[in-house]
Amino acid sequence: MPPPTSASTGSSAPSPPGRCSYFVFRAPSKPADDPNIAEARRLVATWADKLDRQTTPTGVYVRWPNDTLPEADPWGRELAVEYSQGGVAEHVTVRSLGPDGVARTPDDVVAVRHAVNLKGIGEGVKKNAEETRKNVAKGAVKGIVEGAKEAVGKGK
C-alpha cells in the first residue's frame, strides 16, 4: 500500500473533558473539492460523534451491534465501525472506504474518537475507599480506648 500523499487532522467540535477526538483525512485519488469526499467527511464525523457520546459511566463505549452502520457513503457502500482499547483509552473508528471501495487505502475517509476508560480503575478506587474507611474507624476506636485508659490511669 503506498503511503498517503497528505494528511490533515482537526476536530469537528470541542471534546468534553476526559475525551479527545480527531478527524483523519488521507488524500483522495479525486480532487479534495469533490462533493462526494466532502459528504463522506460529514457522514463519518457525524457517526463518530454520535458513537462517542454512547459510553457507560466508566467510559466504556456501548458497542454498535454490527461492524457496519445503517447509512451508506456517497459511493453507496456501508460505513464501517471499529472499536479498540489501549491502556485506559477506548477508541471508536468510523470509516468510508472512499472512491476505490477498498479498506485501508489512501482514499479512505476516517474519523476516530477516544474516551478514557475507567472500568478497572473505578473498582480499585471504590475498594480502596472502603478499606480506608474501615482503617479510619479502627484508628478512631483505638484512640478513644487509649485515651480512656490514660484518663482512668491519671485518676487513680
C-alpha atoms as a PDB file:
ATOM      1  CA  MET A   1       0.000   0.000   0.000  1.00  0.00           C
ATOM      2  CA  PRO A   2       1.510   3.371  -0.953  1.00  0.00           C
ATOM      3  CA  PRO A   3       1.843   5.967   1.807  1.00  0.00           C
ATOM      4  CA  PRO A   4      -0.732   8.758   1.910  1.00  0.00           C
ATOM      5  CA  THR A   5       0.263  11.819  -0.097  1.00  0.00           C
ATOM      6  CA  SER A   6      -1.064  14.189   2.540  1.00  0.00           C
ATOM      7  CA  ALA A   7      -2.906  14.087   5.812  1.00  0.00           C
ATOM      8  CA  SER A   8      -4.589  16.615   7.997  1.00  0.00           C
ATOM      9  CA  THR A   9      -6.069  16.471  11.452  1.00  0.00           C
ATOM     10  CA  GLY A  10      -8.566  18.670  13.160  1.00  0.00           C
ATOM     11  CA  SER A  11     -11.601  18.433  15.371  1.00  0.00           C
ATOM     12  CA  SER A  12     -15.148  18.942  14.218  1.00  0.00           C
ATOM     13  CA  ALA A  13     -16.205  20.103  17.703  1.00  0.00           C
ATOM     14  CA  PRO A  14     -14.626  20.661  21.104  1.00  0.00           C
ATOM     15  CA  SER A  15     -14.196  17.450  23.082  1.00  0.00           C
ATOM     16  CA  PRO A  16     -15.726  17.110  26.551  1.00  0.00           C
ATOM     17  CA  PRO A  17     -13.293  16.765  29.490  1.00  0.00           C
ATOM     18  CA  GLY A  18     -11.615  13.357  29.605  1.00  0.00           C
ATOM     19  CA  ARG A  19     -12.151  12.828  25.896  1.00  0.00           C
ATOM     20  CA  CYS A  20     -10.148  13.545  22.837  1.00  0.00           C
ATOM     21  CA  SER A  21     -11.190  13.408  19.234  1.00  0.00           C
ATOM     22  CA  TYR A  22      -9.656  13.923  15.902  1.00  0.00           C
ATOM     23  CA  PHE A  23     -10.522  13.582  12.259  1.00  0.00           C
ATOM     24  CA  VAL A  24      -8.095  11.993   9.837  1.00  0.00           C
ATOM     25  CA  PHE A  25      -8.374  12.512   6.128  1.00  0.00           C
ATOM     26  CA  ARG A  26      -5.969  10.929   3.692  1.00  0.00           C
ATOM     27  CA  ALA A  27      -5.601  12.453   0.264  1.00  0.00           C
ATOM     28  CA  PRO A  28      -8.162  11.028  -2.161  1.00  0.00           C
ATOM     29  CA  SER A  29      -7.445   9.988  -5.710  1.00  0.00           C
ATOM     30  CA  LYS A  30     -10.017  12.623  -6.723  1.00  0.00           C
ATOM     31  CA  PRO A  31      -9.707  16.371  -6.095  1.00  0.00           C
ATOM     32  CA  ALA A  32     -10.342  17.488  -2.489  1.00  0.00           C
ATOM     33  CA  ASP A  33     -13.224  19.693  -3.633  1.00  0.00           C
ATOM     34  CA  ASP A  34     -15.122  16.585  -4.815  1.00  0.00           C
ATOM     35  CA  PRO A  35     -18.611  16.832  -3.247  1.00  0.00           C
ATOM     36  CA  ASN A  36     -18.573  13.071  -2.547  1.00  0.00           C
ATOM     37  CA  ILE A  37     -15.428  13.440  -0.416  1.00  0.00           C
ATOM     38  CA  ALA A  38     -16.995  16.341   1.485  1.00  0.00           C
ATOM     39  CA  GLU A  39     -20.165  14.314   2.108  1.00  0.00           C
ATOM     40  CA  ALA A  40     -18.128  11.290   3.255  1.00  0.00           C
ATOM     41  CA  ARG A  41     -16.247  13.530   5.713  1.00  0.00           C
ATOM     42  CA  ARG A  42     -19.539  14.836   7.080  1.00  0.00           C
ATOM     43  CA  LEU A  43     -21.004  11.335   7.446  1.00  0.00           C
ATOM     44  CA  VAL A  44     -18.036   9.744   9.212  1.00  0.00           C
ATOM     45  CA  ALA A  45     -17.668  12.737  11.568  1.00  0.00           C
ATOM     46  CA  THR A  46     -21.401  12.703  12.393  1.00  0.00           C
ATOM     47  CA  TRP A  47     -21.386   8.968  13.153  1.00  0.00           C
ATOM     48  CA  ALA A  48     -18.123   9.154  15.117  1.00  0.00           C
ATOM     49  CA  ASP A  49     -19.547  11.964  17.264  1.00  0.00           C
ATOM     50  CA  LYS A  50     -22.799  10.041  17.808  1.00  0.00           C
ATOM     51  CA  LEU A  51     -20.994   6.834  18.835  1.00  0.00           C
ATOM     52  CA  ASP A  52     -18.549   8.814  21.016  1.00  0.00           C
ATOM     53  CA  ARG A  53     -21.475  10.024  23.149  1.00  0.00           C
ATOM     54  CA  GLN A  54     -22.592   6.440  23.849  1.00  0.00           C
ATOM     55  CA  THR A  55     -20.485   5.320  26.818  1.00  0.00           C
ATOM     56  CA  THR A  56     -21.117   3.696  30.172  1.00  0.00           C
ATOM     57  CA  PRO A  57     -20.445   5.737  33.358  1.00  0.00           C
ATOM     58  CA  THR A  58     -16.913   4.267  33.455  1.00  0.00           C
ATOM     59  CA  GLY A  59     -16.105   5.408  29.904  1.00  0.00           C
ATOM     60  CA  VAL A  60     -16.539   2.119  28.047  1.00  0.00           C
ATOM     61  CA  TYR A  61     -18.120   2.544  24.628  1.00  0.00           C
ATOM     62  CA  VAL A  62     -21.526   0.966  24.155  1.00  0.00           C
ATOM     63  CA  ARG A  63     -20.741  -1.166  21.106  1.00  0.00           C
ATOM     64  CA  TRP A  64     -22.734  -0.851  17.894  1.00  0.00           C
ATOM     65  CA  PRO A  65     -24.171  -4.346  17.262  1.00  0.00           C
ATOM     66  CA  ASN A  66     -22.576  -4.762  13.812  1.00  0.00           C
ATOM     67  CA  ASP A  67     -19.326  -3.768  12.137  1.00  0.00           C
ATOM     68  CA  THR A  68     -21.238  -1.612   9.649  1.00  0.00           C
ATOM     69  CA  LEU A  69     -23.553   1.347  10.218  1.00  0.00           C
ATOM     70  CA  PRO A  70     -27.043   1.745   8.714  1.00  0.00           C
ATOM     71  CA  GLU A  71     -26.006   4.610   6.445  1.00  0.00           C
ATOM     72  CA  ALA A  72     -24.192   4.432   3.125  1.00  0.00           C
ATOM     73  CA  ASP A  73     -21.340   6.655   1.984  1.00  0.00           C
ATOM     74  CA  PRO A  74     -21.664   8.715  -1.228  1.00  0.00           C
ATOM     75  CA  TRP A  75     -20.471   5.718  -3.267  1.00  0.00           C
ATOM     76  CA  GLY A  76     -23.278   3.508  -1.934  1.00  0.00           C
ATOM     77  CA  ARG A  77     -21.161   1.460   0.481  1.00  0.00           C
ATOM     78  CA  GLU A  78     -21.899   0.928   4.171  1.00  0.00           C
ATOM     79  CA  LEU A  79     -19.831   2.872   6.681  1.00  0.00           C
ATOM     80  CA  ALA A  80     -17.588   0.617   8.793  1.00  0.00           C
ATOM     81  CA  VAL A  81     -17.185   0.941  12.581  1.00  0.00           C
ATOM     82  CA  GLU A  82     -14.378  -0.495  14.714  1.00  0.00           C
ATOM     83  CA  TYR A  83     -13.739  -0.387  18.446  1.00  0.00           C
ATOM     84  CA  SER A  84     -10.399  -0.896  20.164  1.00  0.00           C
ATOM     85  CA  GLN A  85      -8.762  -0.426  23.551  1.00  0.00           C
ATOM     86  CA  GLY A  86      -5.312   0.666  24.576  1.00  0.00           C
ATOM     87  CA  GLY A  87      -4.365   1.203  28.206  1.00  0.00           C
ATOM     88  CA  VAL A  88      -7.113   3.304  29.761  1.00  0.00           C
ATOM     89  CA  ALA A  89      -8.372   4.561  26.397  1.00  0.00           C
ATOM     90  CA  GLU A  90     -11.233   3.327  24.244  1.00  0.00           C
ATOM     91  CA  HIS A  91     -11.245   4.155  20.539  1.00  0.00           C
ATOM     92  CA  VAL A  92     -14.079   4.177  18.023  1.00  0.00           C
ATOM     93  CA  THR A  93     -13.242   4.485  14.324  1.00  0.00           C
ATOM     94  CA  VAL A  94     -15.758   5.188  11.562  1.00  0.00           C
ATOM     95  CA  ARG A  95     -14.549   4.596   8.008  1.00  0.00           C
ATOM     96  CA  SER A  96     -15.807   5.257   4.495  1.00  0.00           C
ATOM     97  CA  LEU A  97     -13.916   3.099   2.014  1.00  0.00           C
ATOM     98  CA  GLY A  98     -13.673   6.078  -0.325  1.00  0.00           C
ATOM     99  CA  PRO A  99     -13.948   6.053  -4.113  1.00  0.00           C
ATOM    100  CA  ASP A 100     -11.942   2.843  -4.615  1.00  0.00           C
ATOM    101  CA  GLY A 101     -14.096   0.790  -2.177  1.00  0.00           C
ATOM    102  CA  VAL A 102     -11.042  -0.892  -0.631  1.00  0.00           C
ATOM    103  CA  ALA A 103     -10.375  -0.649   3.122  1.00  0.00           C
ATOM    104  CA  ARG A 104      -7.201   0.929   4.467  1.00  0.00           C
ATOM    105  CA  THR A 105      -6.123   2.660   1.286  1.00  0.00           C
ATOM    106  CA  PRO A 106      -5.139   6.340   0.993  1.00  0.00           C
ATOM    107  CA  ASP A 107      -8.567   7.436  -0.228  1.00  0.00           C
ATOM    108  CA  ASP A 108     -10.432   6.197   2.878  1.00  0.00           C
ATOM    109  CA  VAL A 109     -12.201   8.859   4.912  1.00  0.00           C
ATOM    110  CA  VAL A 110     -11.778   8.119   8.627  1.00  0.00           C
ATOM    111  CA  ALA A 111     -12.931   9.700  11.896  1.00  0.00           C
ATOM    112  CA  VAL A 112     -11.570   8.484  15.243  1.00  0.00           C
ATOM    113  CA  ARG A 113     -12.814   9.356  18.718  1.00  0.00           C
ATOM    114  CA  HIS A 114     -11.315   8.420  22.099  1.00  0.00           C
ATOM    115  CA  ALA A 115     -12.716   8.064  25.604  1.00  0.00           C
ATOM    116  CA  VAL A 116     -10.931   7.444  28.885  1.00  0.00           C
ATOM    117  CA  ASN A 117     -11.927   4.019  30.192  1.00  0.00           C
ATOM    118  CA  LEU A 118     -12.065   3.939  33.996  1.00  0.00           C
ATOM    119  CA  LYS A 119     -13.606   0.454  34.156  1.00  0.00           C
ATOM    120  CA  GLY A 120     -10.844  -1.185  36.204  1.00  0.00           C
ATOM    121  CA  ILE A 121      -9.705   1.980  37.930  1.00  0.00           C
ATOM    122  CA  GLY A 122     -13.178   2.750  39.324  1.00  0.00           C
ATOM    123  CA  GLU A 123     -13.439  -0.600  41.105  1.00  0.00           C
ATOM    124  CA  GLY A 124      -9.951  -0.192  42.598  1.00  0.00           C
ATOM    125  CA  VAL A 125     -10.745   3.289  43.913  1.00  0.00           C
ATOM    126  CA  LYS A 126     -14.033   2.041  45.389  1.00  0.00           C
ATOM    127  CA  LYS A 127     -12.305  -0.906  47.110  1.00  0.00           C
ATOM    128  CA  ASN A 128      -9.511   1.310  48.498  1.00  0.00           C
ATOM    129  CA  ALA A 129     -12.003   3.894  49.762  1.00  0.00           C
ATOM    130  CA  GLU A 130     -13.898   1.191  51.664  1.00  0.00           C
ATOM    131  CA  GLU A 131     -10.664  -0.169  53.174  1.00  0.00           C
ATOM    132  CA  THR A 132      -9.557   3.355  54.162  1.00  0.00           C
ATOM    133  CA  ARG A 133     -12.927   3.993  55.841  1.00  0.00           C
ATOM    134  CA  LYS A 134     -12.563   0.796  57.899  1.00  0.00           C
ATOM    135  CA  ASN A 135      -8.992   1.674  58.927  1.00  0.00           C
ATOM    136  CA  VAL A 136     -10.005   5.191  59.968  1.00  0.00           C
ATOM    137  CA  ALA A 137     -12.848   3.752  62.065  1.00  0.00           C
ATOM    138  CA  LYS A 138     -10.477   1.255  63.724  1.00  0.00           C
ATOM    139  CA  GLY A 139      -7.973   4.044  64.428  1.00  0.00           C
ATOM    140  CA  ALA A 140     -10.643   6.266  65.955  1.00  0.00           C
ATOM    141  CA  VAL A 141     -11.874   3.478  68.247  1.00  0.00           C
ATOM    142  CA  LYS A 142      -8.317   2.592  69.257  1.00  0.00           C
ATOM    143  CA  GLY A 143      -7.594   6.255  70.016  1.00  0.00           C
ATOM    144  CA  ILE A 144     -10.723   6.572  72.172  1.00  0.00           C
ATOM    145  CA  VAL A 145      -9.858   3.407  74.112  1.00  0.00           C
ATOM    146  CA  GLU A 146      -6.259   4.526  74.703  1.00  0.00           C
ATOM    147  CA  GLY A 147      -7.472   7.972  75.752  1.00  0.00           C
ATOM    148  CA  ALA A 148      -9.917   6.446  78.223  1.00  0.00           C
ATOM    149  CA  LYS A 149      -7.162   4.215  79.685  1.00  0.00           C
ATOM    150  CA  GLU A 150      -4.929   7.245  80.168  1.00  0.00           C
ATOM    151  CA  ALA A 151      -7.724   9.186  81.841  1.00  0.00           C
ATOM    152  CA  VAL A 152      -8.513   6.285  84.154  1.00  0.00           C
ATOM    153  CA  GLY A 153      -4.798   5.810  84.969  1.00  0.00           C
ATOM    154  CA  LYS A 154      -4.398   9.522  85.906  1.00  0.00           C
ATOM    155  CA  GLY A 155      -7.484   9.413  88.080  1.00  0.00           C
ATOM    156  CA  LYS A 156      -6.029   6.796  90.454  1.00  0.00           C
END
